[in-house]
Amino acid sequence: MRNATELMVQYASYHRDRRNITTHFVGIPLIVFAIGVLLSRPSFQVGGLVLTPAWILWGATTVWYLTRGNLVLGAAVSLANGVLMLLAHQVPAATTAAWLTWGLTAFVVGWALQFVGHWYEGRKPAFVDDLVGLLVGPMFVTGEFLFGLGWGKPLLDEIERRVGPTMLRDLAHP
């Protein structure tokens, strides 16, 4: 059970090029949205609540994020993912073809952006070496967003102490 700092440091070691991080700001939310769309069917009633596989997955990941030892980061990523789930659940009201088109298109475009970013990075995606990276991606993007707002300086300092600052990799001389 690695804590948020360890997870963020490991993930950050695969994400030091600012262009890669930028592609992740779009690609990861698209992937989370796509998963929400694709898992928004079927729905079933539990008491007065309408549940879908997407909401069950969101609940499980929320518990995971909130138990990584950084409550603010865990709550922020859970909130961001929750908003994406809410948006994703607006799609299934359309036809099955529209539902699949939205879900699959967002998924493919999101992953394409990830791989473009890793071309700039010159390194494979983190999840290739550790599948937990699939969960850490949304936490990393949320953390980077919060760092930009001035939150989490000690966490950012620890990441940079261990893996260095972000940069623009020289593509002409990798």
N, C-alpha and C. Protein backbone atom coordinates (compact mmCIF):
# COMPACT_ATOMS: atom_id res chain seq x y z
N MET A 1 0.84 -1.18 0.00
CA MET A 1 0.00 0.00 0.00
C MET A 1 0.89 1.25 0.00
N ARG A 2 1.30 1.69 -1.17
CA ARG A 2 2.14 2.88 -1.28
C ARG A 2 1.32 4.13 -1.02
N ASN A 3 1.96 5.11 -0.42
CA ASN A 3 1.26 6.36 -0.14
C ASN A 3 1.31 7.29 -1.35
N ALA A 4 0.58 8.39 -1.27
CA ALA A 4 0.46 9.32 -2.39
C ALA A 4 1.82 9.86 -2.82
N THR A 5 2.68 10.15 -1.88
CA THR A 5 3.99 10.70 -2.25
C THR A 5 4.78 9.69 -3.08
N GLU A 6 4.83 8.45 -2.63
CA GLU A 6 5.56 7.42 -3.37
C GLU A 6 4.96 7.21 -4.76
N LEU A 7 3.64 7.16 -4.83
CA LEU A 7 2.96 6.97 -6.12
C LEU A 7 3.22 8.13 -7.06
N MET A 8 3.14 9.34 -6.54
CA MET A 8 3.36 10.53 -7.38
C MET A 8 4.80 10.61 -7.85
N VAL A 9 5.75 10.28 -6.99
CA VAL A 9 7.17 10.31 -7.38
C VAL A 9 7.42 9.29 -8.48
N GLN A 10 6.93 8.07 -8.31
CA GLN A 10 7.15 7.04 -9.32
C GLN A 10 6.53 7.45 -10.65
N TYR A 11 5.30 7.94 -10.61
CA TYR A 11 4.62 8.34 -11.84
C TYR A 11 5.34 9.53 -12.48
N ALA A 12 5.76 10.48 -11.66
CA ALA A 12 6.45 11.67 -12.16
C ALA A 12 7.76 11.31 -12.86
N SER A 13 8.39 10.22 -12.45
CA SER A 13 9.66 9.83 -13.08
C SER A 13 9.46 9.50 -14.56
N TYR A 14 8.25 9.18 -14.98
CA TYR A 14 7.91 8.91 -16.37
C TYR A 14 7.34 10.15 -17.06
N HIS A 15 7.23 11.25 -16.32
CA HIS A 15 6.53 12.44 -16.82
C HIS A 15 7.28 13.70 -16.42
N ARG A 16 8.42 13.95 -17.04
CA ARG A 16 9.18 15.17 -16.74
C ARG A 16 9.11 16.17 -17.88
N ASP A 17 8.75 15.74 -19.08
CA ASP A 17 8.63 16.68 -20.20
C ASP A 17 7.29 17.39 -20.10
N ARG A 18 7.32 18.70 -20.13
CA ARG A 18 6.10 19.50 -19.97
C ARG A 18 5.08 19.24 -21.09
N ARG A 19 5.55 18.90 -22.29
CA ARG A 19 4.61 18.59 -23.37
C ARG A 19 3.85 17.30 -23.06
N ASN A 20 4.52 16.35 -22.46
CA ASN A 20 3.87 15.10 -22.06
C ASN A 20 2.82 15.38 -21.00
N ILE A 21 3.17 16.17 -20.02
CA ILE A 21 2.21 16.52 -18.96
C ILE A 21 1.01 17.24 -19.57
N THR A 22 1.26 18.13 -20.52
CA THR A 22 0.16 18.86 -21.17
C THR A 22 -0.79 17.91 -21.89
N THR A 23 -0.25 16.93 -22.61
CA THR A 23 -1.13 15.98 -23.30
C THR A 23 -1.94 15.17 -22.29
N HIS A 24 -1.36 14.92 -21.12
CA HIS A 24 -2.07 14.18 -20.08
C HIS A 24 -3.23 14.98 -19.48
N PHE A 25 -3.11 16.30 -19.48
CA PHE A 25 -4.20 17.14 -18.97
C PHE A 25 -5.47 16.98 -19.79
N VAL A 26 -5.33 16.59 -21.04
CA VAL A 26 -6.50 16.35 -21.89
C VAL A 26 -6.79 14.85 -22.00
N GLY A 27 -5.73 14.07 -22.23
CA GLY A 27 -5.90 12.64 -22.48
C GLY A 27 -6.48 11.87 -21.30
N ILE A 28 -5.97 12.12 -20.10
CA ILE A 28 -6.45 11.36 -18.94
C ILE A 28 -7.92 11.67 -18.63
N PRO A 29 -8.33 12.94 -18.59
CA PRO A 29 -9.78 13.17 -18.39
C PRO A 29 -10.64 12.55 -19.49
N LEU A 30 -10.16 12.55 -20.73
CA LEU A 30 -10.92 11.90 -21.80
C LEU A 30 -11.07 10.40 -21.54
N ILE A 31 -10.01 9.77 -21.08
CA ILE A 31 -10.07 8.33 -20.79
C ILE A 31 -11.02 8.05 -19.63
N VAL A 32 -10.93 8.85 -18.57
CA VAL A 32 -11.84 8.67 -17.42
C VAL A 32 -13.28 8.88 -17.87
N PHE A 33 -13.52 9.92 -18.66
CA PHE A 33 -14.86 10.18 -19.20
C PHE A 33 -15.33 8.99 -20.03
N ALA A 34 -14.45 8.48 -20.90
CA ALA A 34 -14.81 7.36 -21.77
C ALA A 34 -15.18 6.12 -20.96
N ILE A 35 -14.40 5.84 -19.92
CA ILE A 35 -14.71 4.70 -19.07
C ILE A 35 -16.08 4.91 -18.40
N GLY A 36 -16.33 6.15 -17.98
CA GLY A 36 -17.64 6.47 -17.40
C GLY A 36 -18.77 6.24 -18.38
N VAL A 37 -18.57 6.64 -19.63
CA VAL A 37 -19.60 6.44 -20.66
C VAL A 37 -19.81 4.95 -20.89
N LEU A 38 -18.73 4.23 -21.12
CA LEU A 38 -18.85 2.81 -21.47
C LEU A 38 -19.38 1.95 -20.32
N LEU A 39 -19.17 2.41 -19.08
CA LEU A 39 -19.68 1.66 -17.93
C LEU A 39 -20.97 2.26 -17.36
N SER A 40 -21.59 3.16 -18.11
CA SER A 40 -22.83 3.77 -17.63
C SER A 40 -24.06 2.90 -17.91
N ARG A 41 -23.85 1.81 -18.58
CA ARG A 41 -24.91 0.83 -18.83
C ARG A 41 -24.44 -0.51 -18.33
N PRO A 42 -25.23 -1.33 -17.77
CA PRO A 42 -26.63 -1.13 -17.43
C PRO A 42 -26.75 -0.34 -16.14
N SER A 43 -27.95 0.12 -15.87
CA SER A 43 -28.22 0.78 -14.60
C SER A 43 -29.23 -0.06 -13.82
N PHE A 44 -29.16 0.05 -12.51
CA PHE A 44 -30.09 -0.69 -11.67
C PHE A 44 -30.37 0.12 -10.42
N GLN A 45 -31.51 -0.14 -9.81
CA GLN A 45 -31.95 0.57 -8.62
C GLN A 45 -31.48 -0.15 -7.36
N VAL A 46 -30.95 0.63 -6.42
CA VAL A 46 -30.63 0.14 -5.08
C VAL A 46 -31.26 1.14 -4.14
N GLY A 47 -32.39 0.75 -3.55
CA GLY A 47 -33.14 1.73 -2.76
C GLY A 47 -33.65 2.80 -3.71
N GLY A 48 -33.38 4.05 -3.40
CA GLY A 48 -33.77 5.15 -4.28
C GLY A 48 -32.65 5.60 -5.19
N LEU A 49 -31.53 4.87 -5.18
CA LEU A 49 -30.33 5.25 -5.93
C LEU A 49 -30.25 4.47 -7.23
N VAL A 50 -29.89 5.15 -8.32
CA VAL A 50 -29.64 4.48 -9.59
C VAL A 50 -28.13 4.25 -9.69
N LEU A 51 -27.74 3.01 -9.76
CA LEU A 51 -26.33 2.66 -9.84
C LEU A 51 -25.97 2.10 -11.20
N THR A 52 -24.73 2.35 -11.60
CA THR A 52 -24.18 1.78 -12.83
C THR A 52 -22.81 1.22 -12.47
N PRO A 53 -22.24 0.39 -13.34
CA PRO A 53 -20.88 -0.07 -13.10
C PRO A 53 -19.89 1.11 -12.96
N ALA A 54 -20.14 2.21 -13.67
CA ALA A 54 -19.26 3.38 -13.58
C ALA A 54 -19.26 3.96 -12.17
N TRP A 55 -20.44 4.08 -11.55
CA TRP A 55 -20.51 4.63 -10.20
C TRP A 55 -19.89 3.68 -9.17
N ILE A 56 -20.02 2.39 -9.39
CA ILE A 56 -19.39 1.42 -8.49
C ILE A 56 -17.87 1.54 -8.59
N LEU A 57 -17.36 1.65 -9.82
CA LEU A 57 -15.92 1.83 -10.01
C LEU A 57 -15.45 3.15 -9.39
N TRP A 58 -16.23 4.22 -9.57
CA TRP A 58 -15.88 5.51 -8.96
C TRP A 58 -15.80 5.39 -7.44
N GLY A 59 -16.77 4.70 -6.84
CA GLY A 59 -16.75 4.51 -5.39
C GLY A 59 -15.52 3.75 -4.92
N ALA A 60 -15.17 2.69 -5.64
CA ALA A 60 -13.99 1.91 -5.26
C ALA A 60 -12.71 2.72 -5.40
N THR A 61 -12.59 3.46 -6.50
CA THR A 61 -11.37 4.28 -6.68
C THR A 61 -11.33 5.42 -5.68
N THR A 62 -12.47 5.97 -5.31
CA THR A 62 -12.50 7.03 -4.30
C THR A 62 -11.95 6.52 -2.97
N VAL A 63 -12.37 5.33 -2.58
CA VAL A 63 -11.83 4.74 -1.34
C VAL A 63 -10.32 4.60 -1.46
N TRP A 64 -9.84 4.13 -2.60
CA TRP A 64 -8.40 3.96 -2.81
C TRP A 64 -7.67 5.31 -2.71
N TYR A 65 -8.18 6.34 -3.42
CA TYR A 65 -7.53 7.66 -3.39
C TYR A 65 -7.52 8.24 -1.98
N LEU A 66 -8.60 8.09 -1.27
CA LEU A 66 -8.70 8.68 0.08
C LEU A 66 -7.85 7.94 1.11
N THR A 67 -7.36 6.77 0.77
CA THR A 67 -6.53 6.01 1.72
C THR A 67 -5.05 6.02 1.34
N ARG A 68 -4.65 6.95 0.50
CA ARG A 68 -3.24 7.05 0.11
C ARG A 68 -2.45 8.00 1.01
N GLY A 69 -3.07 8.58 2.02
CA GLY A 69 -2.35 9.39 2.99
C GLY A 69 -2.30 10.87 2.69
N ASN A 70 -2.97 11.32 1.63
CA ASN A 70 -3.03 12.74 1.32
C ASN A 70 -4.50 13.06 1.05
N LEU A 71 -5.20 13.47 2.10
CA LEU A 71 -6.65 13.64 2.02
C LEU A 71 -7.07 14.69 1.00
N VAL A 72 -6.35 15.81 0.93
CA VAL A 72 -6.73 16.87 -0.02
C VAL A 72 -6.59 16.36 -1.45
N LEU A 73 -5.47 15.73 -1.77
CA LEU A 73 -5.27 15.20 -3.11
C LEU A 73 -6.28 14.10 -3.42
N GLY A 74 -6.51 13.21 -2.47
CA GLY A 74 -7.49 12.14 -2.66
C GLY A 74 -8.89 12.66 -2.90
N ALA A 75 -9.30 13.68 -2.12
CA ALA A 75 -10.62 14.28 -2.30
C ALA A 75 -10.71 15.02 -3.64
N ALA A 76 -9.65 15.71 -4.01
CA ALA A 76 -9.67 16.48 -5.26
C ALA A 76 -9.77 15.58 -6.48
N VAL A 77 -8.99 14.50 -6.52
CA VAL A 77 -9.07 13.59 -7.66
C VAL A 77 -10.41 12.87 -7.68
N SER A 78 -10.94 12.53 -6.52
CA SER A 78 -12.25 11.88 -6.47
C SER A 78 -13.34 12.82 -6.97
N LEU A 79 -13.26 14.09 -6.58
CA LEU A 79 -14.22 15.08 -7.06
C LEU A 79 -14.11 15.26 -8.58
N ALA A 80 -12.89 15.38 -9.07
CA ALA A 80 -12.70 15.54 -10.52
C ALA A 80 -13.25 14.33 -11.28
N ASN A 81 -12.93 13.13 -10.79
CA ASN A 81 -13.46 11.93 -11.44
C ASN A 81 -14.98 11.86 -11.33
N GLY A 82 -15.53 12.31 -10.21
CA GLY A 82 -16.98 12.33 -10.03
C GLY A 82 -17.66 13.25 -11.03
N VAL A 83 -17.06 14.41 -11.28
CA VAL A 83 -17.61 15.34 -12.28
C VAL A 83 -17.58 14.68 -13.66
N LEU A 84 -16.48 14.01 -13.98
CA LEU A 84 -16.40 13.32 -15.27
C LEU A 84 -17.43 12.20 -15.37
N MET A 85 -17.71 11.50 -14.26
CA MET A 85 -18.75 10.47 -14.26
C MET A 85 -20.13 11.09 -14.49
N LEU A 86 -20.38 12.22 -13.83
CA LEU A 86 -21.67 12.90 -14.05
C LEU A 86 -21.84 13.28 -15.52
N LEU A 87 -20.79 13.82 -16.12
CA LEU A 87 -20.85 14.18 -17.54
C LEU A 87 -21.03 12.94 -18.41
N ALA A 88 -20.33 11.88 -18.06
CA ALA A 88 -20.42 10.64 -18.84
C ALA A 88 -21.83 10.06 -18.80
N HIS A 89 -22.51 10.23 -17.69
CA HIS A 89 -23.86 9.67 -17.57
C HIS A 89 -24.91 10.48 -18.32
N GLN A 90 -24.52 11.58 -18.92
CA GLN A 90 -25.44 12.32 -19.77
C GLN A 90 -25.51 11.69 -21.16
N VAL A 91 -24.49 10.96 -21.57
CA VAL A 91 -24.41 10.37 -22.90
C VAL A 91 -25.39 9.22 -23.10
N PRO A 92 -25.55 8.28 -22.16
CA PRO A 92 -26.39 7.11 -22.42
C PRO A 92 -27.86 7.40 -22.72
N ALA A 93 -28.33 8.60 -22.45
CA ALA A 93 -29.71 8.92 -22.79
C ALA A 93 -29.92 8.93 -24.30
N ALA A 94 -28.83 9.01 -25.04
CA ALA A 94 -28.91 9.00 -26.50
C ALA A 94 -29.06 7.54 -26.98
N THR A 95 -28.91 7.34 -28.27
CA THR A 95 -29.02 5.99 -28.84
C THR A 95 -27.80 5.14 -28.46
N THR A 96 -27.92 3.85 -28.65
CA THR A 96 -26.80 2.94 -28.38
C THR A 96 -25.61 3.29 -29.27
N ALA A 97 -25.87 3.63 -30.52
CA ALA A 97 -24.78 4.00 -31.43
C ALA A 97 -24.06 5.26 -30.94
N ALA A 98 -24.83 6.24 -30.47
CA ALA A 98 -24.21 7.47 -29.95
C ALA A 98 -23.41 7.17 -28.68
N TRP A 99 -23.97 6.33 -27.82
CA TRP A 99 -23.29 5.94 -26.58
C TRP A 99 -21.94 5.30 -26.89
N LEU A 100 -21.92 4.32 -27.80
CA LEU A 100 -20.68 3.65 -28.16
C LEU A 100 -19.71 4.59 -28.87
N THR A 101 -20.23 5.43 -29.75
CA THR A 101 -19.38 6.38 -30.48
C THR A 101 -18.70 7.34 -29.51
N TRP A 102 -19.47 7.92 -28.59
CA TRP A 102 -18.88 8.83 -27.60
C TRP A 102 -17.83 8.11 -26.76
N GLY A 103 -18.18 6.95 -26.25
CA GLY A 103 -17.28 6.23 -25.37
C GLY A 103 -16.00 5.79 -26.06
N LEU A 104 -16.14 5.15 -27.21
CA LEU A 104 -14.96 4.65 -27.91
C LEU A 104 -14.10 5.77 -28.48
N THR A 105 -14.74 6.81 -29.01
CA THR A 105 -13.97 7.93 -29.56
C THR A 105 -13.17 8.63 -28.47
N ALA A 106 -13.80 8.92 -27.34
CA ALA A 106 -13.08 9.58 -26.24
C ALA A 106 -11.94 8.69 -25.75
N PHE A 107 -12.17 7.39 -25.68
CA PHE A 107 -11.15 6.46 -25.22
C PHE A 107 -9.95 6.45 -26.17
N VAL A 108 -10.21 6.32 -27.46
CA VAL A 108 -9.13 6.25 -28.46
C VAL A 108 -8.38 7.58 -28.53
N VAL A 109 -9.09 8.69 -28.55
CA VAL A 109 -8.42 10.01 -28.60
C VAL A 109 -7.60 10.23 -27.33
N GLY A 110 -8.15 9.87 -26.18
CA GLY A 110 -7.42 10.01 -24.92
C GLY A 110 -6.11 9.23 -24.93
N TRP A 111 -6.17 7.98 -25.37
CA TRP A 111 -4.95 7.18 -25.42
C TRP A 111 -4.00 7.67 -26.49
N ALA A 112 -4.50 8.13 -27.62
CA ALA A 112 -3.62 8.69 -28.66
C ALA A 112 -2.82 9.87 -28.09
N LEU A 113 -3.50 10.73 -27.34
CA LEU A 113 -2.80 11.86 -26.72
C LEU A 113 -1.74 11.38 -25.73
N GLN A 114 -2.05 10.32 -24.98
CA GLN A 114 -1.06 9.78 -24.04
C GLN A 114 0.21 9.34 -24.78
N PHE A 115 0.02 8.64 -25.89
CA PHE A 115 1.18 8.13 -26.62
C PHE A 115 1.94 9.24 -27.33
N VAL A 116 1.25 10.27 -27.78
CA VAL A 116 1.95 11.45 -28.33
C VAL A 116 2.81 12.08 -27.25
N GLY A 117 2.25 12.24 -26.06
CA GLY A 117 3.01 12.80 -24.95
C GLY A 117 4.24 11.99 -24.62
N HIS A 118 4.10 10.68 -24.65
CA HIS A 118 5.25 9.83 -24.32
C HIS A 118 6.27 9.80 -25.44
N TRP A 119 5.88 10.15 -26.66
CA TRP A 119 6.86 10.33 -27.73
C TRP A 119 7.75 11.52 -27.36
N TYR A 120 7.13 12.61 -26.91
CA TYR A 120 7.93 13.76 -26.45
C TYR A 120 8.81 13.37 -25.27
N GLU A 121 8.28 12.59 -24.39
CA GLU A 121 9.02 12.17 -23.19
C GLU A 121 10.20 11.27 -23.55
N GLY A 122 10.02 10.48 -24.62
CA GLY A 122 11.06 9.52 -24.98
C GLY A 122 11.07 8.32 -24.05
N ARG A 123 9.93 8.06 -23.45
CA ARG A 123 9.83 6.98 -22.47
C ARG A 123 8.43 6.36 -22.53
N LYS A 124 8.36 5.07 -22.26
CA LYS A 124 7.07 4.38 -22.28
C LYS A 124 6.18 4.88 -21.14
N PRO A 125 4.86 4.68 -21.27
CA PRO A 125 3.94 5.06 -20.19
C PRO A 125 4.22 4.29 -18.90
N ALA A 126 3.94 4.90 -17.77
CA ALA A 126 4.21 4.32 -16.45
C ALA A 126 3.46 3.00 -16.24
N PHE A 127 2.24 2.88 -16.76
CA PHE A 127 1.44 1.69 -16.50
C PHE A 127 2.06 0.44 -17.11
N VAL A 128 2.97 0.60 -18.07
CA VAL A 128 3.62 -0.57 -18.69
C VAL A 128 4.43 -1.33 -17.63
N ASP A 129 5.05 -0.60 -16.70
CA ASP A 129 5.85 -1.21 -15.65
C ASP A 129 5.06 -1.47 -14.37
N ASP A 130 3.94 -0.76 -14.20
CA ASP A 130 3.16 -0.89 -12.96
C ASP A 130 1.72 -0.50 -13.27
N LEU A 131 0.83 -1.48 -13.29
CA LEU A 131 -0.57 -1.22 -13.65
C LEU A 131 -1.25 -0.21 -12.72
N VAL A 132 -0.72 -0.01 -11.52
CA VAL A 132 -1.28 0.99 -10.61
C VAL A 132 -1.19 2.38 -11.24
N GLY A 133 -0.27 2.54 -12.20
CA GLY A 133 -0.17 3.80 -12.92
C GLY A 133 -1.47 4.22 -13.58
N LEU A 134 -2.33 3.26 -13.90
CA LEU A 134 -3.64 3.60 -14.47
C LEU A 134 -4.50 4.36 -13.46
N LEU A 135 -4.33 4.07 -12.18
CA LEU A 135 -5.04 4.81 -11.13
C LEU A 135 -4.31 6.11 -10.77
N VAL A 136 -3.00 6.09 -10.87
CA VAL A 136 -2.21 7.25 -10.46
C VAL A 136 -2.32 8.38 -11.49
N GLY A 137 -2.56 8.06 -12.74
CA GLY A 137 -2.67 9.09 -13.78
C GLY A 137 -3.62 10.21 -13.41
N PRO A 138 -4.87 9.90 -13.06
CA PRO A 138 -5.78 10.99 -12.67
C PRO A 138 -5.29 11.75 -11.42
N MET A 139 -4.65 11.03 -10.49
CA MET A 139 -4.12 11.70 -9.30
C MET A 139 -2.98 12.64 -9.68
N PHE A 140 -2.13 12.22 -10.61
CA PHE A 140 -1.01 13.03 -11.06
C PHE A 140 -1.50 14.31 -11.74
N VAL A 141 -2.45 14.17 -12.66
CA VAL A 141 -2.98 15.34 -13.37
C VAL A 141 -3.65 16.30 -12.38
N THR A 142 -4.41 15.76 -11.44
CA THR A 142 -5.03 16.60 -10.42
C THR A 142 -3.97 17.29 -9.58
N GLY A 143 -2.94 16.55 -9.18
CA GLY A 143 -1.85 17.13 -8.42
C GLY A 143 -1.15 18.24 -9.18
N GLU A 144 -0.87 18.02 -10.45
CA GLU A 144 -0.22 19.04 -11.27
C GLU A 144 -1.10 20.30 -11.36
N PHE A 145 -2.40 20.09 -11.49
CA PHE A 145 -3.33 21.22 -11.52
C PHE A 145 -3.26 22.00 -10.20
N LEU A 146 -3.30 21.27 -9.09
CA LEU A 146 -3.23 21.90 -7.78
C LEU A 146 -1.89 22.59 -7.54
N PHE A 147 -0.80 21.99 -8.02
CA PHE A 147 0.51 22.64 -7.90
C PHE A 147 0.49 23.98 -8.62
N GLY A 148 -0.16 24.02 -9.78
CA GLY A 148 -0.27 25.26 -10.54
C GLY A 148 -1.05 26.34 -9.80
N LEU A 149 -1.93 25.91 -8.89
CA LEU A 149 -2.70 26.86 -8.08
C LEU A 149 -1.96 27.25 -6.80
N GLY A 150 -0.79 26.66 -6.59
CA GLY A 150 -0.01 26.98 -5.40
C GLY A 150 -0.17 26.01 -4.25
N TRP A 151 -0.98 24.96 -4.41
CA TRP A 151 -1.17 23.97 -3.35
C TRP A 151 -0.05 22.92 -3.43
N GLY A 152 0.29 22.33 -2.31
CA GLY A 152 1.14 21.15 -2.26
C GLY A 152 2.61 21.37 -2.51
N LYS A 153 3.13 22.52 -2.11
CA LYS A 153 4.55 22.80 -2.34
C LYS A 153 5.45 21.72 -1.74
N PRO A 154 5.21 21.23 -0.52
CA PRO A 154 6.08 20.16 0.00
C PRO A 154 6.06 18.89 -0.87
N LEU A 155 4.91 18.52 -1.40
CA LEU A 155 4.82 17.35 -2.27
C LEU A 155 5.56 17.61 -3.57
N LEU A 156 5.35 18.77 -4.18
CA LEU A 156 6.05 19.12 -5.41
C LEU A 156 7.56 19.15 -5.18
N ASP A 157 7.99 19.74 -4.07
CA ASP A 157 9.42 19.78 -3.76
C ASP A 157 10.00 18.38 -3.63
N GLU A 158 9.27 17.46 -3.00
CA GLU A 158 9.75 16.09 -2.84
C GLU A 158 9.83 15.37 -4.18
N ILE A 159 8.84 15.59 -5.04
CA ILE A 159 8.88 15.00 -6.38
C ILE A 159 10.11 15.50 -7.13
N GLU A 160 10.32 16.81 -7.12
CA GLU A 160 11.45 17.38 -7.85
C GLU A 160 12.79 17.00 -7.22
N ARG A 161 12.84 16.83 -5.92
CA ARG A 161 14.07 16.40 -5.26
C ARG A 161 14.46 15.00 -5.74
N ARG A 162 13.46 14.14 -5.91
CA ARG A 162 13.73 12.75 -6.27
C ARG A 162 13.89 12.51 -7.77
N VAL A 163 13.10 13.20 -8.59
CA VAL A 163 13.15 12.91 -10.03
C VAL A 163 13.48 14.12 -10.89
N GLY A 164 13.71 15.26 -10.28
CA GLY A 164 14.10 16.45 -11.04
C GLY A 164 12.90 17.28 -11.47
N PRO A 165 13.17 18.49 -11.92
CA PRO A 165 12.10 19.37 -12.37
C PRO A 165 11.59 18.97 -13.75
N THR A 166 10.47 19.55 -14.14
CA THR A 166 9.99 19.32 -15.50
C THR A 166 10.88 20.11 -16.45
N MET A 167 10.86 19.71 -17.73
CA MET A 167 11.70 20.34 -18.74
C MET A 167 11.09 20.10 -20.10
N LEU A 168 11.75 20.61 -21.10
CA LEU A 168 11.42 20.29 -22.50
C LEU A 168 12.59 19.49 -23.05
N ARG A 169 12.35 18.22 -23.32
CA ARG A 169 13.41 17.35 -23.83
C ARG A 169 13.82 17.79 -25.22
N ASP A 170 15.09 17.81 -25.48
CA ASP A 170 15.63 18.17 -26.79
C ASP A 170 15.40 16.99 -27.73
N LEU A 171 14.45 17.14 -28.65
CA LEU A 171 14.10 16.04 -29.55
C LEU A 171 15.16 15.81 -30.62
N ALA A 172 15.98 16.82 -30.89
CA ALA A 172 17.03 16.67 -31.89
C ALA A 172 18.21 15.86 -31.35
N HIS A 173 18.38 15.90 -30.04
CA HIS A 173 19.48 15.17 -29.40
C HIS A 173 18.97 14.41 -28.19
N PRO A 174 18.18 13.37 -28.41
CA PRO A 174 17.61 12.66 -27.26
C PRO A 174 18.67 11.99 -26.50
